[in-house]
């Protein structure tokens, strides 16, 4: 059993608005993600510090007890709120998550406390599966003033999904394309148009 938590922290300085609600070809980013994850878990929640803006989705919303301290707090909120022992964390600004890759990660989820892709030499902690056993370590990291999600990784069992594995399910690596700027949004639109053209040809 799996909880899926979409992290929708709120205002983005570079985008100038809440990224979860940025329109991509007529649909908010968060709705693109919701379309791609349907049926993968038995519980979906959204962590947000602006619940009124996302209430229209009809999905359970959870806010950080102490807003403004970053993604690690969002992970803490998700782990505390989840009904299941495993939680898939996805950032709201990654609209091209791959169902085949997510299914593969879910199959691996019992093997470690954290299942995390390593893409282009970097870990992707906002596209990862966490055991609720991580929660005490997340709590301690926050108490110590840490803000980086990976700050507690050295204290738990981590299973990295390497480049070879990623290439089997997402050869272009578009799962990890995140929209931070208006320029990224233009690139995302171009990618969706290419997908539409390839599907129609």
N, C-alpha and C. Protein backbone atom coordinates (compact mmCIF):
# COMPACT_ATOMS: atom_id res chain seq x y z
N UNK A 1 0.85 -1.19 0.00
CA UNK A 1 0.00 0.00 0.00
C UNK A 1 0.89 1.25 0.00
N UNK A 2 0.49 2.23 -0.79
CA UNK A 2 1.36 3.37 -1.04
C UNK A 2 0.57 4.68 -0.98
N UNK A 3 1.15 5.66 -0.30
CA UNK A 3 0.65 7.03 -0.35
C UNK A 3 1.48 7.80 -1.36
N UNK A 4 0.83 8.60 -2.18
CA UNK A 4 1.53 9.50 -3.08
C UNK A 4 1.31 10.92 -2.59
N UNK A 5 2.39 11.63 -2.35
CA UNK A 5 2.31 13.00 -1.86
C UNK A 5 2.95 13.94 -2.87
N UNK A 6 2.17 14.86 -3.37
CA UNK A 6 2.68 15.89 -4.28
C UNK A 6 3.04 17.11 -3.45
N UNK A 7 4.27 17.56 -3.61
CA UNK A 7 4.76 18.69 -2.83
C UNK A 7 4.51 19.99 -3.59
N UNK A 8 3.57 20.78 -3.08
CA UNK A 8 3.20 22.04 -3.72
C UNK A 8 3.43 23.16 -2.73
N UNK A 9 4.68 23.53 -2.56
CA UNK A 9 5.07 24.44 -1.48
C UNK A 9 4.45 25.81 -1.53
N UNK A 10 4.21 26.35 -2.74
CA UNK A 10 3.61 27.67 -2.82
C UNK A 10 4.34 28.58 -3.79
N UNK A 11 4.47 29.84 -3.42
CA UNK A 11 4.98 30.87 -4.32
C UNK A 11 6.41 30.55 -4.79
N UNK A 12 6.61 30.73 -6.10
CA UNK A 12 7.94 30.58 -6.69
C UNK A 12 8.43 31.95 -7.14
N UNK A 13 9.57 32.38 -6.64
CA UNK A 13 10.07 33.70 -7.01
C UNK A 13 10.40 33.79 -8.48
N UNK A 14 10.96 32.71 -9.04
CA UNK A 14 11.36 32.77 -10.45
C UNK A 14 10.17 32.71 -11.39
N UNK A 15 9.11 31.99 -11.00
CA UNK A 15 7.91 31.95 -11.83
C UNK A 15 6.96 33.10 -11.53
N UNK A 16 7.05 33.65 -10.33
CA UNK A 16 6.19 34.76 -9.96
C UNK A 16 4.79 34.35 -9.54
N UNK A 17 4.55 33.06 -9.41
CA UNK A 17 3.24 32.56 -8.99
C UNK A 17 3.41 31.14 -8.46
N UNK A 18 2.34 30.61 -7.90
CA UNK A 18 2.33 29.24 -7.37
C UNK A 18 2.58 28.27 -8.53
N UNK A 19 3.69 27.53 -8.47
CA UNK A 19 4.04 26.65 -9.59
C UNK A 19 3.00 25.56 -9.82
N UNK A 20 2.36 25.10 -8.76
CA UNK A 20 1.37 24.04 -8.93
C UNK A 20 0.26 24.45 -9.87
N UNK A 21 -0.02 25.75 -9.95
CA UNK A 21 -1.14 26.24 -10.74
C UNK A 21 -0.70 26.90 -12.05
N UNK A 22 0.59 26.87 -12.34
CA UNK A 22 1.06 27.39 -13.62
C UNK A 22 0.43 26.57 -14.76
N UNK A 23 -0.09 27.26 -15.75
CA UNK A 23 -0.79 26.59 -16.85
C UNK A 23 0.20 26.05 -17.89
N UNK A 24 0.06 24.79 -18.20
CA UNK A 24 0.82 24.14 -19.27
C UNK A 24 -0.19 23.57 -20.26
N UNK A 25 -0.24 24.16 -21.45
CA UNK A 25 -1.23 23.84 -22.48
C UNK A 25 -2.65 23.73 -21.89
N UNK A 26 -3.01 24.75 -21.13
CA UNK A 26 -4.38 24.87 -20.67
C UNK A 26 -4.73 24.09 -19.42
N UNK A 27 -3.71 23.52 -18.74
CA UNK A 27 -3.98 22.74 -17.54
C UNK A 27 -2.87 23.00 -16.52
N UNK A 28 -3.23 23.19 -15.24
CA UNK A 28 -2.20 23.43 -14.22
C UNK A 28 -1.20 22.27 -14.13
N UNK A 29 0.02 22.60 -13.79
CA UNK A 29 1.07 21.58 -13.68
C UNK A 29 0.65 20.43 -12.78
N UNK A 30 0.04 20.75 -11.66
CA UNK A 30 -0.30 19.70 -10.71
C UNK A 30 -1.32 18.72 -11.30
N UNK A 31 -2.17 19.19 -12.18
CA UNK A 31 -3.13 18.29 -12.81
C UNK A 31 -2.46 17.36 -13.82
N UNK A 32 -1.40 17.82 -14.46
CA UNK A 32 -0.63 16.92 -15.34
C UNK A 32 -0.08 15.75 -14.53
N UNK A 33 0.44 16.06 -13.34
CA UNK A 33 1.00 15.00 -12.50
C UNK A 33 -0.10 14.06 -12.02
N UNK A 34 -1.21 14.63 -11.57
CA UNK A 34 -2.32 13.80 -11.09
C UNK A 34 -2.81 12.84 -12.17
N UNK A 35 -2.84 13.30 -13.40
CA UNK A 35 -3.26 12.42 -14.50
C UNK A 35 -2.31 11.23 -14.65
N UNK A 36 -1.02 11.46 -14.44
CA UNK A 36 -0.02 10.42 -14.66
C UNK A 36 0.09 9.42 -13.52
N UNK A 37 -0.38 9.79 -12.34
CA UNK A 37 -0.21 8.88 -11.19
C UNK A 37 -1.48 8.14 -10.80
N UNK A 38 -2.56 8.39 -11.51
CA UNK A 38 -3.82 7.75 -11.13
C UNK A 38 -3.67 6.23 -11.07
N UNK A 39 -4.11 5.64 -9.95
CA UNK A 39 -4.08 4.19 -9.80
C UNK A 39 -2.77 3.62 -9.29
N UNK A 40 -1.74 4.45 -9.11
CA UNK A 40 -0.45 3.92 -8.65
C UNK A 40 -0.41 3.71 -7.14
N UNK A 41 -1.21 4.45 -6.41
CA UNK A 41 -1.26 4.32 -4.96
C UNK A 41 -2.70 4.27 -4.50
N UNK A 42 -2.91 3.96 -3.24
CA UNK A 42 -4.27 3.92 -2.72
C UNK A 42 -4.61 5.15 -1.89
N UNK A 43 -3.67 6.12 -1.83
CA UNK A 43 -3.92 7.38 -1.14
C UNK A 43 -3.10 8.47 -1.82
N UNK A 44 -3.75 9.61 -2.08
CA UNK A 44 -3.05 10.77 -2.64
C UNK A 44 -3.28 11.94 -1.70
N UNK A 45 -2.20 12.66 -1.43
CA UNK A 45 -2.33 13.90 -0.67
C UNK A 45 -1.40 14.95 -1.27
N UNK A 46 -1.68 16.18 -0.95
CA UNK A 46 -0.87 17.30 -1.43
C UNK A 46 -0.41 18.09 -0.22
N UNK A 47 0.88 18.35 -0.14
CA UNK A 47 1.37 19.24 0.91
C UNK A 47 1.47 20.64 0.33
N UNK A 48 0.84 21.58 0.99
CA UNK A 48 0.78 22.95 0.50
C UNK A 48 0.59 23.90 1.66
N UNK A 49 1.15 25.10 1.53
CA UNK A 49 0.91 26.13 2.53
C UNK A 49 -0.10 27.16 2.02
N UNK A 50 -0.78 26.81 0.92
CA UNK A 50 -1.86 27.64 0.38
C UNK A 50 -3.03 26.73 0.02
N UNK A 51 -3.62 26.08 1.02
CA UNK A 51 -4.65 25.09 0.73
C UNK A 51 -5.88 25.64 0.00
N UNK A 52 -6.20 26.90 0.22
CA UNK A 52 -7.38 27.46 -0.45
C UNK A 52 -7.24 27.41 -1.97
N UNK A 53 -6.02 27.61 -2.46
CA UNK A 53 -5.79 27.64 -3.90
C UNK A 53 -5.97 26.28 -4.55
N UNK A 54 -5.78 25.20 -3.77
CA UNK A 54 -5.84 23.85 -4.33
C UNK A 54 -7.06 23.07 -3.88
N UNK A 55 -7.93 23.71 -3.12
CA UNK A 55 -9.11 23.01 -2.59
C UNK A 55 -10.01 22.49 -3.71
N UNK A 56 -9.99 23.17 -4.87
CA UNK A 56 -10.85 22.76 -5.98
C UNK A 56 -10.57 21.35 -6.47
N UNK A 57 -9.38 20.82 -6.19
CA UNK A 57 -9.00 19.49 -6.66
C UNK A 57 -9.75 18.38 -5.92
N UNK A 58 -10.26 18.69 -4.74
CA UNK A 58 -10.97 17.68 -3.96
C UNK A 58 -10.08 16.59 -3.40
N UNK A 59 -8.80 16.93 -3.21
CA UNK A 59 -7.81 15.98 -2.70
C UNK A 59 -7.37 16.45 -1.31
N UNK A 60 -7.05 15.49 -0.45
CA UNK A 60 -6.60 15.83 0.90
C UNK A 60 -5.39 16.75 0.86
N UNK A 61 -5.45 17.83 1.61
CA UNK A 61 -4.39 18.82 1.66
C UNK A 61 -3.80 18.87 3.06
N UNK A 62 -2.48 18.95 3.15
CA UNK A 62 -1.79 19.04 4.43
C UNK A 62 -0.78 20.19 4.38
N UNK A 63 -0.71 20.98 5.44
CA UNK A 63 0.22 22.11 5.50
C UNK A 63 1.33 21.84 6.50
N UNK A 64 2.50 22.44 6.25
CA UNK A 64 3.64 22.29 7.15
C UNK A 64 3.35 23.00 8.47
N UNK A 65 3.71 22.37 9.61
CA UNK A 65 3.53 23.05 10.90
C UNK A 65 4.30 24.35 10.98
N UNK A 66 5.50 24.37 10.36
CA UNK A 66 6.33 25.57 10.34
C UNK A 66 6.65 25.91 8.89
N UNK A 67 5.82 26.71 8.23
CA UNK A 67 6.06 27.04 6.82
C UNK A 67 7.36 27.79 6.63
N UNK A 68 7.91 27.65 5.41
CA UNK A 68 9.04 28.47 5.03
C UNK A 68 10.40 27.86 5.26
N UNK A 69 10.46 26.57 5.66
CA UNK A 69 11.78 25.97 5.88
C UNK A 69 12.12 24.92 4.83
N UNK A 70 11.36 24.90 3.73
CA UNK A 70 11.79 24.14 2.57
C UNK A 70 11.21 22.75 2.43
N UNK A 71 11.81 22.02 1.48
CA UNK A 71 11.30 20.72 1.06
C UNK A 71 11.39 19.65 2.15
N UNK A 72 12.36 19.76 3.02
CA UNK A 72 12.49 18.77 4.09
C UNK A 72 11.26 18.82 5.00
N UNK A 73 10.75 20.01 5.24
CA UNK A 73 9.53 20.14 6.04
C UNK A 73 8.34 19.53 5.31
N UNK A 74 8.32 19.67 3.97
CA UNK A 74 7.26 19.05 3.19
C UNK A 74 7.29 17.54 3.30
N UNK A 75 8.50 16.98 3.29
CA UNK A 75 8.64 15.53 3.46
C UNK A 75 8.16 15.12 4.85
N UNK A 76 8.53 15.88 5.86
CA UNK A 76 8.08 15.59 7.23
C UNK A 76 6.55 15.57 7.31
N UNK A 77 5.93 16.56 6.72
CA UNK A 77 4.47 16.66 6.72
C UNK A 77 3.85 15.45 6.04
N UNK A 78 4.41 15.07 4.89
CA UNK A 78 3.87 13.93 4.14
C UNK A 78 4.01 12.63 4.92
N UNK A 79 5.16 12.41 5.53
CA UNK A 79 5.38 11.17 6.28
C UNK A 79 4.46 11.10 7.50
N UNK A 80 4.25 12.22 8.15
CA UNK A 80 3.35 12.25 9.31
C UNK A 80 1.90 11.99 8.89
N UNK A 81 1.51 12.54 7.74
CA UNK A 81 0.10 12.49 7.33
C UNK A 81 -0.28 11.19 6.64
N UNK A 82 0.70 10.50 6.07
CA UNK A 82 0.40 9.31 5.25
C UNK A 82 -0.19 8.18 6.07
N UNK A 83 -1.16 7.51 5.48
CA UNK A 83 -1.78 6.35 6.13
C UNK A 83 -0.99 5.07 5.88
N UNK A 84 -0.12 5.10 4.88
CA UNK A 84 0.63 3.92 4.49
C UNK A 84 2.09 4.00 4.94
N UNK A 85 2.76 2.86 4.92
CA UNK A 85 4.14 2.81 5.39
C UNK A 85 5.14 3.31 4.36
N UNK A 86 4.72 3.44 3.11
CA UNK A 86 5.59 3.94 2.05
C UNK A 86 4.95 5.16 1.42
N UNK A 87 5.79 6.17 1.13
CA UNK A 87 5.28 7.42 0.59
C UNK A 87 6.11 7.81 -0.63
N UNK A 88 5.45 7.93 -1.77
CA UNK A 88 6.09 8.42 -2.98
C UNK A 88 5.96 9.94 -2.99
N UNK A 89 7.09 10.62 -3.00
CA UNK A 89 7.14 12.08 -3.00
C UNK A 89 7.41 12.56 -4.42
N UNK A 90 6.58 13.48 -4.89
CA UNK A 90 6.77 14.07 -6.22
C UNK A 90 6.63 15.58 -6.12
N UNK A 91 7.55 16.30 -6.72
CA UNK A 91 7.45 17.75 -6.77
C UNK A 91 6.37 18.15 -7.77
N UNK A 92 5.68 19.25 -7.47
CA UNK A 92 4.56 19.66 -8.32
C UNK A 92 5.00 20.25 -9.65
N UNK A 93 6.30 20.51 -9.80
CA UNK A 93 6.77 21.16 -11.03
C UNK A 93 7.44 20.19 -11.99
N UNK A 94 7.19 18.89 -11.82
CA UNK A 94 7.73 17.87 -12.72
C UNK A 94 6.56 17.20 -13.45
N UNK A 95 6.07 17.79 -14.54
CA UNK A 95 4.84 17.31 -15.16
C UNK A 95 4.99 16.06 -16.01
N UNK A 96 6.22 15.59 -16.23
CA UNK A 96 6.43 14.48 -17.15
C UNK A 96 6.88 13.20 -16.45
N UNK A 97 6.47 13.01 -15.20
CA UNK A 97 6.85 11.79 -14.50
C UNK A 97 6.40 10.56 -15.31
N UNK A 98 7.24 9.54 -15.28
CA UNK A 98 7.03 8.33 -16.09
C UNK A 98 6.35 7.24 -15.26
N UNK A 99 5.17 6.82 -15.69
CA UNK A 99 4.49 5.73 -14.97
C UNK A 99 5.34 4.46 -14.94
N UNK A 100 5.96 4.05 -16.06
CA UNK A 100 6.79 2.84 -16.00
C UNK A 100 7.92 2.95 -14.97
N UNK A 101 8.55 4.11 -14.89
CA UNK A 101 9.62 4.29 -13.91
C UNK A 101 9.06 4.25 -12.49
N UNK A 102 7.94 4.91 -12.27
CA UNK A 102 7.35 4.91 -10.93
C UNK A 102 6.94 3.51 -10.52
N UNK A 103 6.39 2.74 -11.44
CA UNK A 103 6.01 1.35 -11.13
C UNK A 103 7.23 0.53 -10.75
N UNK A 104 8.33 0.76 -11.45
CA UNK A 104 9.58 0.05 -11.13
C UNK A 104 10.07 0.42 -9.74
N UNK A 105 10.04 1.69 -9.42
CA UNK A 105 10.47 2.14 -8.10
C UNK A 105 9.57 1.56 -7.01
N UNK A 106 8.28 1.49 -7.27
CA UNK A 106 7.36 0.92 -6.29
C UNK A 106 7.69 -0.54 -6.02
N UNK A 107 8.06 -1.28 -7.07
CA UNK A 107 8.45 -2.68 -6.89
C UNK A 107 9.69 -2.80 -6.01
N UNK A 108 10.55 -1.81 -6.06
CA UNK A 108 11.79 -1.83 -5.27
C UNK A 108 11.58 -1.35 -3.84
N UNK A 109 10.43 -0.80 -3.53
CA UNK A 109 10.28 0.02 -2.33
C UNK A 109 10.51 -0.73 -1.02
N UNK A 110 10.33 -2.06 -1.02
CA UNK A 110 10.56 -2.80 0.22
C UNK A 110 12.04 -3.05 0.48
N UNK A 111 12.90 -2.72 -0.49
CA UNK A 111 14.32 -3.07 -0.39
C UNK A 111 15.12 -2.10 0.47
N UNK A 112 14.58 -0.91 0.75
CA UNK A 112 15.34 0.09 1.49
C UNK A 112 14.38 1.11 2.09
N UNK A 113 14.93 2.02 2.89
CA UNK A 113 14.13 3.09 3.47
C UNK A 113 13.86 4.21 2.47
N UNK A 114 14.78 4.38 1.53
CA UNK A 114 14.64 5.41 0.50
C UNK A 114 14.97 4.78 -0.85
N UNK A 115 14.08 4.96 -1.81
CA UNK A 115 14.34 4.58 -3.20
C UNK A 115 14.43 5.88 -3.98
N UNK A 116 15.63 6.20 -4.47
CA UNK A 116 15.83 7.52 -5.08
C UNK A 116 16.60 7.41 -6.39
N UNK A 117 16.12 8.03 -7.46
CA UNK A 117 16.87 8.04 -8.71
C UNK A 117 18.12 8.90 -8.61
N UNK A 118 19.13 8.49 -9.36
CA UNK A 118 20.32 9.31 -9.51
C UNK A 118 20.44 9.64 -10.99
N UNK A 119 20.15 10.88 -11.33
CA UNK A 119 20.07 11.32 -12.72
C UNK A 119 21.12 12.39 -12.98
N UNK A 120 21.89 12.20 -14.05
CA UNK A 120 22.93 13.16 -14.43
C UNK A 120 23.85 13.48 -13.25
N UNK A 121 24.13 12.44 -12.45
CA UNK A 121 25.07 12.60 -11.35
C UNK A 121 24.48 13.18 -10.07
N UNK A 122 23.19 13.44 -10.08
CA UNK A 122 22.55 14.05 -8.91
C UNK A 122 21.38 13.20 -8.43
N UNK A 123 21.22 13.12 -7.11
CA UNK A 123 20.05 12.46 -6.55
C UNK A 123 18.81 13.31 -6.78
N UNK A 124 17.68 12.63 -6.89
CA UNK A 124 16.40 13.31 -7.12
C UNK A 124 15.46 13.03 -5.93
N UNK A 125 15.70 13.69 -4.79
CA UNK A 125 14.94 13.37 -3.58
C UNK A 125 13.48 13.77 -3.62
N UNK A 126 13.10 14.61 -4.61
CA UNK A 126 11.69 14.98 -4.74
C UNK A 126 10.99 14.14 -5.81
N UNK A 127 11.59 13.00 -6.11
CA UNK A 127 11.01 12.00 -7.01
C UNK A 127 11.45 10.65 -6.44
N UNK A 128 11.05 10.40 -5.19
CA UNK A 128 11.60 9.27 -4.45
C UNK A 128 10.54 8.66 -3.54
N UNK A 129 10.80 7.43 -3.10
CA UNK A 129 9.90 6.74 -2.19
C UNK A 129 10.58 6.62 -0.82
N UNK A 130 9.83 6.98 0.22
CA UNK A 130 10.35 6.98 1.59
C UNK A 130 9.51 6.07 2.47
N UNK A 131 10.19 5.35 3.34
CA UNK A 131 9.51 4.60 4.39
C UNK A 131 9.20 5.55 5.55
N UNK A 132 8.10 5.27 6.24
CA UNK A 132 7.78 6.08 7.42
C UNK A 132 8.84 5.91 8.51
N UNK A 133 9.67 4.87 8.38
CA UNK A 133 10.78 4.70 9.32
C UNK A 133 11.78 5.85 9.22
N UNK A 134 11.71 6.63 8.15
CA UNK A 134 12.60 7.79 8.00
C UNK A 134 12.19 8.96 8.89
N UNK A 135 10.96 8.96 9.36
CA UNK A 135 10.43 10.14 10.03
C UNK A 135 11.26 10.62 11.22
N UNK A 136 11.71 9.73 12.13
CA UNK A 136 12.52 10.24 13.25
C UNK A 136 13.80 10.93 12.79
N UNK A 137 14.38 10.46 11.69
CA UNK A 137 15.60 11.05 11.18
C UNK A 137 15.32 12.40 10.51
N UNK A 138 14.17 12.49 9.86
CA UNK A 138 13.75 13.77 9.28
C UNK A 138 13.50 14.79 10.39
N UNK A 139 12.79 14.35 11.44
CA UNK A 139 12.53 15.23 12.59
C UNK A 139 13.84 15.75 13.17
N UNK A 140 14.79 14.84 13.36
CA UNK A 140 16.07 15.23 13.97
C UNK A 140 16.83 16.21 13.07
N UNK A 141 16.79 15.95 11.75
CA UNK A 141 17.49 16.84 10.82
C UNK A 141 16.91 18.25 10.88
N UNK A 142 15.58 18.34 10.95
CA UNK A 142 14.94 19.66 11.03
C UNK A 142 15.28 20.33 12.35
N UNK A 143 15.28 19.56 13.44
CA UNK A 143 15.63 20.12 14.75
C UNK A 143 17.06 20.67 14.75
N UNK A 144 17.92 20.06 13.92
CA UNK A 144 19.32 20.49 13.84
C UNK A 144 19.53 21.63 12.85
N UNK A 145 18.44 22.07 12.23
CA UNK A 145 18.52 23.22 11.32
C UNK A 145 18.78 22.88 9.87
N UNK A 146 18.73 21.60 9.53
CA UNK A 146 18.95 21.21 8.13
C UNK A 146 17.72 21.53 7.29
N UNK A 147 17.94 21.82 6.02
CA UNK A 147 16.84 22.07 5.09
C UNK A 147 16.88 21.16 3.87
N UNK A 148 18.04 20.56 3.60
CA UNK A 148 18.18 19.71 2.41
C UNK A 148 17.52 18.35 2.68
N UNK A 149 16.77 17.87 1.70
CA UNK A 149 16.06 16.60 1.88
C UNK A 149 17.04 15.46 2.13
N UNK A 150 18.19 15.49 1.48
CA UNK A 150 19.13 14.37 1.59
C UNK A 150 19.96 14.42 2.88
N UNK A 151 19.70 15.38 3.75
CA UNK A 151 20.56 15.57 4.92
C UNK A 151 20.56 14.38 5.88
N UNK A 152 19.52 13.54 5.81
CA UNK A 152 19.46 12.38 6.73
C UNK A 152 19.78 11.06 6.03
N UNK A 153 20.10 11.11 4.74
CA UNK A 153 20.28 9.88 3.97
C UNK A 153 21.35 8.96 4.54
N UNK A 154 22.38 9.52 5.14
CA UNK A 154 23.47 8.69 5.65
C UNK A 154 23.07 7.90 6.89
N UNK A 155 21.86 8.12 7.39
CA UNK A 155 21.41 7.41 8.60
C UNK A 155 20.37 6.33 8.30
N UNK A 156 20.00 6.18 7.04
CA UNK A 156 18.99 5.20 6.65
C UNK A 156 19.50 4.38 5.46
N UNK A 157 18.74 3.34 5.11
CA UNK A 157 19.11 2.50 3.97
C UNK A 157 18.60 3.15 2.69
N UNK A 158 19.53 3.45 1.80
CA UNK A 158 19.19 4.14 0.55
C UNK A 158 19.48 3.23 -0.64
N UNK A 159 18.50 3.06 -1.50
CA UNK A 159 18.67 2.31 -2.76
C UNK A 159 18.59 3.30 -3.91
N UNK A 160 19.73 3.53 -4.56
CA UNK A 160 19.76 4.44 -5.70
C UNK A 160 19.31 3.71 -6.96
N UNK A 161 18.49 4.38 -7.75
CA UNK A 161 18.11 3.88 -9.07
C UNK A 161 19.07 4.54 -10.06
N UNK A 162 19.97 3.74 -10.63
CA UNK A 162 21.06 4.33 -11.40
C UNK A 162 20.67 4.66 -12.84
N UNK A 163 21.61 5.25 -13.55
CA UNK A 163 21.35 5.72 -14.91
C UNK A 163 20.92 4.59 -15.85
N UNK A 164 21.53 3.42 -15.68
CA UNK A 164 21.16 2.29 -16.53
C UNK A 164 19.70 1.91 -16.31
N UNK A 165 19.30 1.84 -15.06
CA UNK A 165 17.91 1.50 -14.76
C UNK A 165 16.97 2.59 -15.28
N UNK A 166 17.34 3.84 -15.08
CA UNK A 166 16.50 4.94 -15.55
C UNK A 166 16.32 4.89 -17.06
N UNK A 167 17.39 4.54 -17.77
CA UNK A 167 17.32 4.54 -19.23
C UNK A 167 16.34 3.51 -19.77
N UNK A 168 16.06 2.47 -18.99
CA UNK A 168 15.11 1.44 -19.42
C UNK A 168 13.68 1.96 -19.42
N UNK A 169 13.39 2.90 -18.53
CA UNK A 169 12.02 3.36 -18.35
C UNK A 169 11.78 4.80 -18.79
N UNK A 170 12.82 5.59 -18.79
CA UNK A 170 12.69 7.00 -19.15
C UNK A 170 13.98 7.43 -19.84
N UNK A 171 14.20 6.97 -21.08
CA UNK A 171 15.49 7.21 -21.73
C UNK A 171 15.83 8.68 -21.93
N UNK A 172 14.83 9.54 -22.04
CA UNK A 172 15.10 10.97 -22.22
C UNK A 172 15.27 11.71 -20.88
N UNK A 173 14.97 11.03 -19.79
CA UNK A 173 15.10 11.67 -18.48
C UNK A 173 14.11 12.78 -18.22
N UNK A 174 12.98 12.75 -18.93
CA UNK A 174 12.01 13.84 -18.78
C UNK A 174 11.27 13.80 -17.44
N UNK A 175 11.34 12.69 -16.74
CA UNK A 175 10.76 12.65 -15.39
C UNK A 175 11.32 13.74 -14.50
N UNK A 176 12.56 14.14 -14.77
CA UNK A 176 13.26 15.05 -13.88
C UNK A 176 13.34 16.47 -14.43
N UNK A 177 12.58 16.71 -15.49
CA UNK A 177 12.50 18.07 -16.04
C UNK A 177 11.56 18.87 -15.15
N UNK A 178 12.09 19.87 -14.47
CA UNK A 178 11.23 20.66 -13.60
C UNK A 178 11.14 22.09 -14.12
N UNK A 179 9.99 22.69 -13.87
CA UNK A 179 9.68 24.00 -14.42
C UNK A 179 9.89 25.06 -13.34
N UNK A 180 10.97 25.81 -13.50
CA UNK A 180 11.32 26.85 -12.53
C UNK A 180 11.18 28.25 -13.08
N UNK A 181 11.23 28.38 -14.41
CA UNK A 181 11.24 29.70 -15.04
C UNK A 181 10.27 29.72 -16.22
N UNK A 182 9.90 30.90 -16.70
CA UNK A 182 9.08 30.98 -17.91
C UNK A 182 9.73 30.29 -19.11
N UNK A 183 11.05 30.31 -19.16
CA UNK A 183 11.75 29.63 -20.26
C UNK A 183 11.55 28.12 -20.19
N UNK A 184 11.58 27.57 -18.97
CA UNK A 184 11.31 26.14 -18.79
C UNK A 184 9.91 25.80 -19.27
N UNK A 185 8.98 26.69 -19.01
CA UNK A 185 7.59 26.46 -19.41
C UNK A 185 7.46 26.39 -20.92
N UNK A 186 8.17 27.25 -21.62
CA UNK A 186 8.16 27.22 -23.08
C UNK A 186 8.73 25.89 -23.58
N UNK A 187 9.82 25.45 -22.97
CA UNK A 187 10.42 24.18 -23.36
C UNK A 187 9.46 23.02 -23.11
N UNK A 188 8.74 23.07 -22.01
CA UNK A 188 7.77 22.02 -21.69
C UNK A 188 6.65 21.99 -22.73
N UNK A 189 6.18 23.15 -23.14
CA UNK A 189 5.14 23.21 -24.17
C UNK A 189 5.63 22.61 -25.47
N UNK A 190 6.86 22.93 -25.84
CA UNK A 190 7.44 22.36 -27.07
C UNK A 190 7.52 20.84 -26.99
N UNK A 191 7.89 20.33 -25.82
CA UNK A 191 7.98 18.88 -25.63
C UNK A 191 6.62 18.22 -25.77
N UNK A 192 5.61 18.83 -25.19
CA UNK A 192 4.26 18.26 -25.30
C UNK A 192 3.77 18.27 -26.74
N UNK A 193 4.11 19.32 -27.49
CA UNK A 193 3.73 19.38 -28.90
C UNK A 193 4.42 18.27 -29.69
N UNK A 194 5.69 18.02 -29.36
CA UNK A 194 6.40 16.92 -30.02
C UNK A 194 5.75 15.58 -29.72
N UNK A 195 5.34 15.39 -28.46
CA UNK A 195 4.66 14.15 -28.09
C UNK A 195 3.36 13.98 -28.87
N UNK A 196 2.61 15.06 -28.98
CA UNK A 196 1.34 15.02 -29.70
C UNK A 196 1.56 14.70 -31.16
N UNK A 197 2.58 15.32 -31.77
CA UNK A 197 2.87 15.06 -33.18
C UNK A 197 3.29 13.62 -33.40
N UNK A 198 4.11 13.07 -32.50
CA UNK A 198 4.58 11.69 -32.66
C UNK A 198 3.43 10.69 -32.47
N UNK A 199 2.49 11.02 -31.60
CA UNK A 199 1.36 10.13 -31.37
C UNK A 199 0.39 10.13 -32.54
N UNK A 200 0.31 11.27 -33.23
CA UNK A 200 -0.62 11.39 -34.34
C UNK A 200 -0.03 10.89 -35.65
N UNK A 201 1.29 10.79 -35.73
CA UNK A 201 1.91 10.34 -36.99
C UNK A 201 1.96 8.82 -37.10
